[in-house]
Structures are given as C-alpha cells and as structure tokens.
Protein backbone atom coordinates (compact mmCIF):
# COMPACT_ATOMS: atom_id res chain seq x y z
CA ALA A 1 -13.39 79.76 -107.31
CA PRO A 2 -12.73 79.57 -103.54
CA ALA A 3 -11.24 76.32 -102.20
CA PRO A 4 -13.79 74.03 -100.52
CA GLN A 5 -13.50 74.13 -96.73
CA LEU A 6 -13.09 70.88 -94.87
CA PRO A 7 -15.28 70.37 -91.82
CA GLN A 8 -13.36 70.97 -88.61
CA MET A 9 -12.89 67.84 -86.52
CA SER A 10 -12.40 67.88 -82.78
CA VAL A 11 -9.20 66.24 -81.61
CA PHE A 12 -11.15 64.34 -78.94
CA THR A 13 -13.82 62.85 -81.19
CA PRO A 14 -13.53 59.05 -80.98
CA ILE A 15 -13.00 57.73 -84.45
CA ALA A 16 -13.22 53.97 -83.86
CA GLN A 17 -16.43 53.72 -81.87
CA PRO A 18 -19.09 56.00 -80.49
CA PRO A 19 -18.86 56.41 -76.69
CA GLN A 20 -22.04 54.39 -76.06
CA GLN A 21 -20.63 51.36 -77.85
CA MET A 22 -17.36 51.59 -75.88
CA GLN A 23 -19.26 51.85 -72.60
CA GLN A 24 -21.39 48.80 -73.46
CA GLN A 25 -18.27 46.76 -74.28
CA LEU A 26 -16.63 47.83 -71.02
CA GLN A 27 -19.72 46.81 -69.05
CA GLN A 28 -19.79 43.43 -70.82
CA GLN A 29 -16.11 42.87 -70.03
CA GLN A 30 -16.68 43.78 -66.38
CA ALA A 31 -19.66 41.43 -66.19
CA ALA A 32 -17.58 38.60 -67.68
CA SER A 33 -14.71 38.99 -65.21
CA PRO A 34 -15.05 37.01 -61.98
CA PRO A 35 -16.04 38.90 -58.85
CA ALA A 36 -13.25 40.04 -56.57
CA PRO A 37 -12.45 37.55 -53.80
CA PRO A 38 -13.79 38.47 -50.38
CA PRO A 39 -11.32 40.23 -48.11
CA PRO A 40 -9.44 37.97 -45.67
CA PRO A 41 -11.20 37.56 -42.34
CA THR A 42 -10.32 40.06 -39.69
CA PRO A 43 -7.95 38.48 -37.19
CA GLN A 44 -9.79 37.48 -34.05
CA ARG A 45 -8.29 36.65 -30.72
CA MET A 46 -8.76 33.08 -29.62
CA GLY A 47 -11.43 34.04 -27.10
CA ASP A 48 -13.46 35.86 -29.78
CA ALA A 49 -13.41 33.14 -32.44
CA ASP A 50 -16.61 31.20 -33.08
CA VAL A 51 -15.97 27.53 -32.30
CA SER A 52 -19.60 26.43 -32.09
CA ALA A 53 -19.24 23.92 -34.95
CA VAL A 54 -15.97 22.33 -33.75
CA THR A 55 -16.28 18.69 -32.67
CA GLY A 56 -14.18 15.63 -31.84
CA SER A 57 -10.43 15.88 -31.51
CA ALA A 58 -10.52 19.39 -32.99
CA LEU A 59 -12.57 20.47 -29.96
CA THR A 60 -9.89 19.04 -27.65
CA VAL A 61 -7.31 21.09 -29.58
CA VAL A 62 -9.42 24.26 -29.20
CA ARG A 63 -9.89 23.73 -25.46
CA THR A 64 -6.26 22.81 -24.80
CA LEU A 65 -4.79 25.73 -26.75
CA GLY A 66 -7.32 28.09 -25.18
CA GLN A 67 -6.46 26.95 -21.66
CA TYR A 68 -2.71 27.42 -22.24
CA MET A 69 -3.24 30.78 -23.93
CA ASP A 70 -5.25 31.97 -20.92
CA ASN A 71 -2.46 30.82 -18.56
CA LEU A 72 0.21 32.58 -20.60
CA LEU A 73 -1.80 35.81 -20.76
CA ALA A 74 -2.44 35.69 -17.00
CA HIS A 75 1.29 35.39 -16.30
CA ALA A 76 2.57 37.86 -18.90
CA ALA A 77 4.70 40.30 -16.94
CA SER A 78 5.88 42.93 -19.39
CA PRO A 79 3.96 44.99 -22.00
CA ASN A 80 6.18 43.45 -24.69
CA GLU A 81 5.25 39.95 -23.55
CA LYS A 82 1.55 40.85 -23.58
CA LYS A 83 1.90 42.33 -27.08
CA LYS A 84 3.63 39.17 -28.32
CA LEU A 85 0.94 36.97 -26.76
CA ASP A 86 -1.79 39.14 -28.26
CA ASP A 87 -0.27 38.45 -31.69
CA VAL A 88 -0.13 34.72 -30.87
CA SER A 89 -3.79 34.83 -29.84
CA LYS A 90 -4.78 36.50 -33.14
CA ARG A 91 -2.79 33.97 -35.16
CA LEU A 92 -4.29 31.03 -33.28
CA GLY A 93 -7.71 32.68 -33.58
CA MET A 94 -7.33 32.13 -37.34
CA LEU A 95 -6.74 28.43 -36.64
CA LEU A 96 -9.94 28.29 -34.57
CA VAL A 97 -11.93 29.97 -37.36
CA LYS A 98 -10.57 27.38 -39.82
CA LEU A 99 -11.35 24.52 -37.43
CA ASN A 100 -14.89 25.85 -36.98
CA SER A 101 -15.50 25.89 -40.74
CA ALA A 102 -13.81 22.49 -41.23
CA GLU A 103 -11.04 24.01 -43.38
CA VAL A 104 -8.27 22.06 -41.64
CA ALA A 105 -7.41 18.64 -43.06
CA PRO A 106 -8.13 15.71 -40.70
CA ILE A 107 -4.44 14.69 -40.74
CA VAL A 108 -3.51 18.20 -39.54
CA VAL A 109 -6.13 18.00 -36.77
CA ASP A 110 -4.65 14.65 -35.69
CA LYS A 111 -1.15 16.18 -35.57
CA LEU A 112 -2.49 19.14 -33.58
CA ALA A 113 -4.12 16.74 -31.12
CA ALA A 114 -0.80 14.93 -30.67
CA LEU A 115 0.96 18.28 -30.25
CA CYS A 116 -1.54 19.28 -27.54
CA GLN A 117 -0.95 15.98 -25.74
CA ALA A 118 2.79 16.65 -25.81
CA ILE A 119 2.29 20.17 -24.40
CA SER A 120 0.00 18.82 -21.67
CA ALA A 121 2.70 16.32 -20.71
CA GLY A 122 5.31 19.09 -20.60
CA ASP A 123 7.12 17.47 -23.55
CA PHE A 124 7.91 20.64 -25.49
CA ARG A 125 10.62 18.94 -27.54
CA SER A 126 8.04 16.54 -29.02
CA ALA A 127 5.57 19.41 -29.49
CA LEU A 128 8.18 21.35 -31.48
CA ALA A 129 9.01 18.22 -33.53
CA ILE A 130 5.32 17.87 -34.48
CA HIS A 131 5.26 21.59 -35.27
CA VAL A 132 8.25 21.17 -37.61
CA ASP A 133 6.41 18.30 -39.31
CA LEU A 134 3.36 20.55 -39.80
CA THR A 135 5.43 23.41 -41.21
CA THR A 136 7.06 21.01 -43.65
CA SER A 137 3.82 19.48 -44.89
CA ASP A 138 1.20 22.19 -44.46
CA TRP A 139 2.87 25.61 -44.45
CA ASN A 140 1.09 26.98 -47.54
CA ASP A 141 -2.40 26.70 -46.06
CA ASN A 142 -1.53 27.24 -42.42
CA GLY A 143 1.60 29.39 -42.17
CA VAL A 144 -0.05 32.26 -40.29
CA TRP A 145 -1.27 30.20 -37.35
CA LEU A 146 1.75 27.87 -37.37
CA VAL A 147 3.92 30.89 -36.48
CA GLY A 148 1.61 31.62 -33.55
CA LEU A 149 1.65 27.99 -32.45
CA LYS A 150 5.46 27.90 -32.38
CA ARG A 151 5.57 31.08 -30.33
CA MET A 152 3.05 29.59 -27.91
CA ILE A 153 5.10 26.41 -27.47
CA GLU A 154 8.27 28.44 -26.90
CA SER A 155 6.49 30.67 -24.35
CA LEU A 156 5.10 27.65 -22.50
CA ALA A 157 8.53 26.01 -22.41
CA LYS A 158 10.10 29.20 -21.08
CA TRP A 159 7.30 29.73 -18.56
CA SER A 160 7.57 26.17 -17.25
CA GLY A 161 11.36 26.34 -17.05
CA HIS A 162 12.09 23.75 -19.80
C-alpha cells in the first residue's frame, strides 16, 4: 500500500492566528496607545509672535524686550551679528508665545520684569545676575529662551559700551 501523503504547508502560513485576528489586535493596541504629542511650535521671531493675550507686568516685559531687540537689529553691522540677533529673536519669540498662553510662572514673569528694569537702567551686571537666578531655578522649562535672553543682555552691554 502506498504511504499516505501529508498535505503540503506553506512556510508563510501563520500558525498562531489568522491574519484578520492579528490585524484586529494591532488596531486595538494602536487605539489604546496615546496620540503622538503635537510637534513643537515653529520658532517665530519676536515681531511675529502673537502677544494679544499678554497683560500686566508680562506686557511690560514684551514691550521692553521688543524695543531693545529692534534697537540691536537696527545697529547690527555685520552679517554674522545679524544672524546671531536673528537667532536671539527666534529664541525670545518662544518666550513671547509662552507669555501669551500664560505658560510662564508668575515668579518668572516678576524676575523678567526686574531684569527689564535693570536693562533699562543700563545695569547689565544686575540683569545678568537675575538671568543666572532664572537659569538656576527655571532652566528645564525655559532653557531655549534663556539662552537668547543672555545673548541679548551681552549684546546690549557691548553696544552701550559697558
């Protein structure tokens, strides 16, 4: 008697689960996972940032920093200086966006107001001391714009001859 033949099995046939069941499980897993976070906001220059919701001392900060940024840009002599100031403007634009959406702690706004007063008085040493205090206490949430703020203070000090 001839030997019984075994049915031929394809190497690619899933043994554990039919493809439909696997696809349903994958879809359920994807539905259960949280949605991807939104991409970070595109950097905006200070002049392009929406500040329509900024009030109080935060508004004074916005106006003061904007005025000094405009002065620095107007007096930038070299292309390298303009490029550096453009980066500062983008970094500080992120601060303005955060101020507009009330994402900056009131204590930080108060320190920024004091820093702006120091800059307005030409007291760059005090402005840098306040900046150091901010970097020590609030770097994690504000590091990007704190870099820009330091560069602005240094540029203002250099520009004014201090």
